[in-house]
N, C-alpha and C. Protein backbone atom coordinates (compact mmCIF):
# COMPACT_ATOMS: atom_id res chain seq x y z
N MET A 1 0.82 -1.20 0.00
CA MET A 1 0.00 0.00 0.00
C MET A 1 0.86 1.26 0.00
N ASN A 2 1.94 1.26 0.76
CA ASN A 2 2.81 2.43 0.82
C ASN A 2 3.48 2.71 -0.52
N ASN A 3 3.87 1.61 -1.23
CA ASN A 3 4.49 1.82 -2.53
C ASN A 3 3.50 2.43 -3.52
N LEU A 4 2.26 2.01 -3.45
CA LEU A 4 1.24 2.56 -4.33
C LEU A 4 1.03 4.05 -4.07
N LEU A 5 1.05 4.44 -2.81
CA LEU A 5 0.90 5.86 -2.48
C LEU A 5 2.07 6.68 -3.02
N LEU A 6 3.27 6.14 -2.91
CA LEU A 6 4.44 6.87 -3.40
C LEU A 6 4.46 6.94 -4.92
N VAL A 7 4.09 5.86 -5.58
CA VAL A 7 4.05 5.86 -7.04
C VAL A 7 2.98 6.84 -7.53
N SER A 8 1.84 6.86 -6.87
CA SER A 8 0.78 7.80 -7.24
C SER A 8 1.22 9.24 -7.03
N THR A 9 1.93 9.49 -5.95
CA THR A 9 2.44 10.83 -5.68
C THR A 9 3.45 11.25 -6.75
N LEU A 10 4.31 10.34 -7.14
CA LEU A 10 5.28 10.63 -8.19
C LEU A 10 4.58 10.91 -9.52
N PHE A 11 3.59 10.10 -9.85
CA PHE A 11 2.85 10.30 -11.09
C PHE A 11 2.14 11.66 -11.10
N LEU A 12 1.52 12.02 -10.00
CA LEU A 12 0.85 13.32 -9.92
C LEU A 12 1.85 14.47 -9.99
N SER A 13 3.06 14.25 -9.47
CA SER A 13 4.09 15.27 -9.56
C SER A 13 4.52 15.51 -11.00
N VAL A 14 4.64 14.43 -11.75
CA VAL A 14 4.98 14.56 -13.18
C VAL A 14 3.86 15.28 -13.92
N LEU A 15 2.62 14.94 -13.62
CA LEU A 15 1.49 15.64 -14.24
C LEU A 15 1.48 17.12 -13.86
N SER A 16 1.90 17.43 -12.64
CA SER A 16 1.97 18.82 -12.21
C SER A 16 3.02 19.58 -13.02
N LEU A 17 4.14 18.93 -13.30
CA LEU A 17 5.16 19.56 -14.14
C LEU A 17 4.64 19.80 -15.55
N ALA A 18 3.86 18.85 -16.07
CA ALA A 18 3.26 19.04 -17.39
C ALA A 18 2.28 20.21 -17.37
N SER A 19 1.58 20.39 -16.27
CA SER A 19 0.66 21.50 -16.13
C SER A 19 1.41 22.84 -16.09
N ILE A 20 2.56 22.86 -15.44
CA ILE A 20 3.38 24.07 -15.42
C ILE A 20 3.81 24.43 -16.84
N TYR A 21 4.18 23.42 -17.61
CA TYR A 21 4.57 23.65 -19.00
C TYR A 21 3.40 24.23 -19.79
N ARG A 22 2.20 23.68 -19.59
CA ARG A 22 1.02 24.18 -20.30
C ARG A 22 0.71 25.61 -19.90
N ALA A 23 0.90 25.93 -18.62
CA ALA A 23 0.66 27.31 -18.17
C ALA A 23 1.67 28.27 -18.79
N TYR A 24 2.88 27.80 -19.00
CA TYR A 24 3.91 28.64 -19.60
C TYR A 24 3.67 28.82 -21.09
N ARG A 25 3.29 27.75 -21.79
CA ARG A 25 3.14 27.77 -23.23
C ARG A 25 1.74 28.14 -23.71
N GLY A 26 0.76 28.11 -22.85
CA GLY A 26 -0.63 28.30 -23.26
C GLY A 26 -0.82 29.47 -24.20
N PRO A 27 -1.44 29.24 -25.34
CA PRO A 27 -1.56 30.36 -26.29
C PRO A 27 -2.53 31.44 -25.82
N LYS A 28 -3.48 31.09 -24.98
CA LYS A 28 -4.45 32.08 -24.51
C LYS A 28 -4.44 32.13 -22.99
N ALA A 29 -4.97 33.22 -22.47
CA ALA A 29 -5.03 33.37 -21.02
C ALA A 29 -5.92 32.33 -20.38
N ALA A 30 -6.99 31.94 -21.06
CA ALA A 30 -7.89 30.92 -20.51
C ALA A 30 -7.17 29.58 -20.36
N ASP A 31 -6.30 29.25 -21.31
CA ASP A 31 -5.52 28.02 -21.19
C ASP A 31 -4.61 28.06 -19.98
N ARG A 32 -4.05 29.21 -19.72
CA ARG A 32 -3.16 29.35 -18.56
C ARG A 32 -3.93 29.23 -17.25
N VAL A 33 -5.11 29.82 -17.20
CA VAL A 33 -5.93 29.73 -15.99
C VAL A 33 -6.32 28.28 -15.72
N ILE A 34 -6.72 27.56 -16.75
CA ILE A 34 -7.09 26.16 -16.58
C ILE A 34 -5.90 25.34 -16.14
N ALA A 35 -4.73 25.60 -16.71
CA ALA A 35 -3.53 24.85 -16.33
C ALA A 35 -3.15 25.11 -14.87
N ILE A 36 -3.25 26.34 -14.43
CA ILE A 36 -2.93 26.66 -13.04
C ILE A 36 -3.96 26.04 -12.10
N ASN A 37 -5.22 26.04 -12.51
CA ASN A 37 -6.26 25.40 -11.71
C ASN A 37 -6.01 23.90 -11.61
N LEU A 38 -5.62 23.28 -12.72
CA LEU A 38 -5.28 21.86 -12.71
C LEU A 38 -4.10 21.59 -11.79
N MET A 39 -3.09 22.46 -11.85
CA MET A 39 -1.92 22.29 -10.99
C MET A 39 -2.31 22.39 -9.52
N THR A 40 -3.20 23.30 -9.19
CA THR A 40 -3.69 23.41 -7.81
C THR A 40 -4.38 22.13 -7.37
N THR A 41 -5.22 21.58 -8.24
CA THR A 41 -5.92 20.34 -7.92
C THR A 41 -4.94 19.18 -7.74
N LEU A 42 -3.93 19.10 -8.59
CA LEU A 42 -2.93 18.03 -8.47
C LEU A 42 -2.14 18.16 -7.17
N ILE A 43 -1.81 19.37 -6.79
CA ILE A 43 -1.06 19.57 -5.55
C ILE A 43 -1.91 19.20 -4.35
N ILE A 44 -3.20 19.48 -4.41
CA ILE A 44 -4.09 19.07 -3.32
C ILE A 44 -4.12 17.55 -3.22
N ALA A 45 -4.19 16.87 -4.35
CA ALA A 45 -4.17 15.41 -4.34
C ALA A 45 -2.85 14.87 -3.80
N ILE A 46 -1.75 15.51 -4.14
CA ILE A 46 -0.44 15.10 -3.61
C ILE A 46 -0.40 15.26 -2.10
N ILE A 47 -0.89 16.38 -1.61
CA ILE A 47 -0.91 16.61 -0.16
C ILE A 47 -1.75 15.54 0.54
N LEU A 48 -2.90 15.20 -0.04
CA LEU A 48 -3.75 14.18 0.57
C LEU A 48 -3.10 12.79 0.54
N LEU A 49 -2.41 12.46 -0.56
CA LEU A 49 -1.69 11.19 -0.61
C LEU A 49 -0.56 11.14 0.43
N LEU A 50 0.13 12.25 0.58
CA LEU A 50 1.19 12.29 1.60
C LEU A 50 0.61 12.22 3.01
N SER A 51 -0.59 12.77 3.18
CA SER A 51 -1.27 12.65 4.47
C SER A 51 -1.55 11.19 4.80
N ALA A 52 -1.99 10.44 3.80
CA ALA A 52 -2.25 9.02 4.02
C ALA A 52 -0.95 8.25 4.24
N TYR A 53 0.09 8.60 3.51
CA TYR A 53 1.37 7.88 3.62
C TYR A 53 1.99 8.08 5.00
N PHE A 54 2.01 9.33 5.46
CA PHE A 54 2.63 9.62 6.75
C PHE A 54 1.66 9.48 7.93
N ALA A 55 0.40 9.17 7.65
CA ALA A 55 -0.64 9.04 8.68
C ALA A 55 -0.71 10.32 9.52
N GLU A 56 -0.73 11.43 8.81
CA GLU A 56 -0.75 12.74 9.45
C GLU A 56 -2.04 13.47 9.05
N PRO A 57 -3.05 13.42 9.91
CA PRO A 57 -4.34 14.02 9.53
C PRO A 57 -4.32 15.54 9.41
N SER A 58 -3.31 16.19 9.95
CA SER A 58 -3.27 17.66 9.85
C SER A 58 -2.97 18.11 8.43
N PHE A 59 -2.43 17.24 7.58
CA PHE A 59 -2.19 17.59 6.19
C PHE A 59 -3.51 17.82 5.45
N VAL A 60 -4.57 17.19 5.90
CA VAL A 60 -5.88 17.38 5.27
C VAL A 60 -6.33 18.83 5.44
N ASP A 61 -6.07 19.40 6.60
CA ASP A 61 -6.41 20.81 6.83
C ASP A 61 -5.63 21.71 5.88
N VAL A 62 -4.38 21.38 5.66
CA VAL A 62 -3.56 22.15 4.73
C VAL A 62 -4.13 22.04 3.31
N ALA A 63 -4.56 20.85 2.93
CA ALA A 63 -5.13 20.65 1.59
C ALA A 63 -6.43 21.44 1.43
N ILE A 64 -7.25 21.48 2.46
CA ILE A 64 -8.50 22.25 2.39
C ILE A 64 -8.20 23.74 2.26
N LEU A 65 -7.25 24.23 3.03
CA LEU A 65 -6.87 25.63 2.95
C LEU A 65 -6.31 25.96 1.58
N TYR A 66 -5.48 25.08 1.04
CA TYR A 66 -4.91 25.28 -0.29
C TYR A 66 -6.00 25.29 -1.35
N ALA A 67 -7.03 24.45 -1.18
CA ALA A 67 -8.15 24.43 -2.12
C ALA A 67 -8.91 25.74 -2.09
N MET A 68 -9.12 26.28 -0.90
CA MET A 68 -9.84 27.55 -0.80
C MET A 68 -9.04 28.69 -1.43
N ILE A 69 -7.75 28.71 -1.20
CA ILE A 69 -6.90 29.75 -1.79
C ILE A 69 -6.87 29.60 -3.31
N GLY A 70 -6.79 28.37 -3.79
CA GLY A 70 -6.79 28.13 -5.23
C GLY A 70 -8.09 28.57 -5.88
N PHE A 71 -9.20 28.32 -5.22
CA PHE A 71 -10.50 28.75 -5.75
C PHE A 71 -10.58 30.27 -5.81
N LEU A 72 -10.17 30.93 -4.75
CA LEU A 72 -10.21 32.40 -4.74
C LEU A 72 -9.28 32.98 -5.79
N MET A 73 -8.13 32.35 -5.99
CA MET A 73 -7.19 32.82 -7.01
C MET A 73 -7.80 32.68 -8.40
N THR A 74 -8.46 31.57 -8.66
CA THR A 74 -9.09 31.35 -9.96
C THR A 74 -10.19 32.37 -10.21
N VAL A 75 -11.01 32.62 -9.23
CA VAL A 75 -12.09 33.61 -9.38
C VAL A 75 -11.51 35.00 -9.62
N ALA A 76 -10.46 35.36 -8.90
CA ALA A 76 -9.85 36.68 -9.07
C ALA A 76 -9.23 36.83 -10.46
N VAL A 77 -8.55 35.81 -10.93
CA VAL A 77 -7.91 35.90 -12.25
C VAL A 77 -8.96 35.97 -13.35
N VAL A 78 -10.02 35.19 -13.25
CA VAL A 78 -11.07 35.23 -14.26
C VAL A 78 -11.78 36.58 -14.25
N LYS A 79 -12.02 37.11 -13.06
CA LYS A 79 -12.64 38.43 -12.98
C LYS A 79 -11.73 39.50 -13.59
N TYR A 80 -10.45 39.39 -13.33
CA TYR A 80 -9.49 40.34 -13.91
C TYR A 80 -9.45 40.22 -15.43
N LEU A 81 -9.48 39.01 -15.95
CA LEU A 81 -9.43 38.82 -17.39
C LEU A 81 -10.70 39.32 -18.08
N ARG A 82 -11.83 39.24 -17.41
CA ARG A 82 -13.09 39.68 -18.02
C ARG A 82 -13.27 41.19 -17.97
N LYS A 83 -12.87 41.82 -16.88
CA LYS A 83 -13.15 43.24 -16.70
C LYS A 83 -11.91 44.12 -16.79
N GLY A 84 -10.74 43.56 -16.62
CA GLY A 84 -9.52 44.37 -16.67
C GLY A 84 -9.09 44.90 -15.32
N SER A 85 -9.89 44.70 -14.28
CA SER A 85 -9.50 45.12 -12.93
C SER A 85 -10.20 44.21 -11.92
N LEU A 86 -9.75 44.26 -10.70
CA LEU A 86 -10.33 43.43 -9.65
C LEU A 86 -11.45 44.14 -8.89
N LYS A 87 -11.79 45.38 -9.25
CA LYS A 87 -12.84 46.13 -8.57
C LYS A 87 -14.20 45.79 -9.09
């Protein structure tokens, strides 16, 4: 079971690197926003897998907080892209 958690974490890390590449290369701003949102989701999954691996339930709180920050960041960026300002 522990090896499966580590392999899954490694696989998600590679996918996260691919998402960083997509955010860098994305031809449009919407592609970049989606890539960054995907990267946030992958990092949350990595944190949760590490929580299970280390049997550390406090990592779940960190993952929830990271999810909330990621959601707010996505909403702010989309609002900025649509209107040109955050007001």
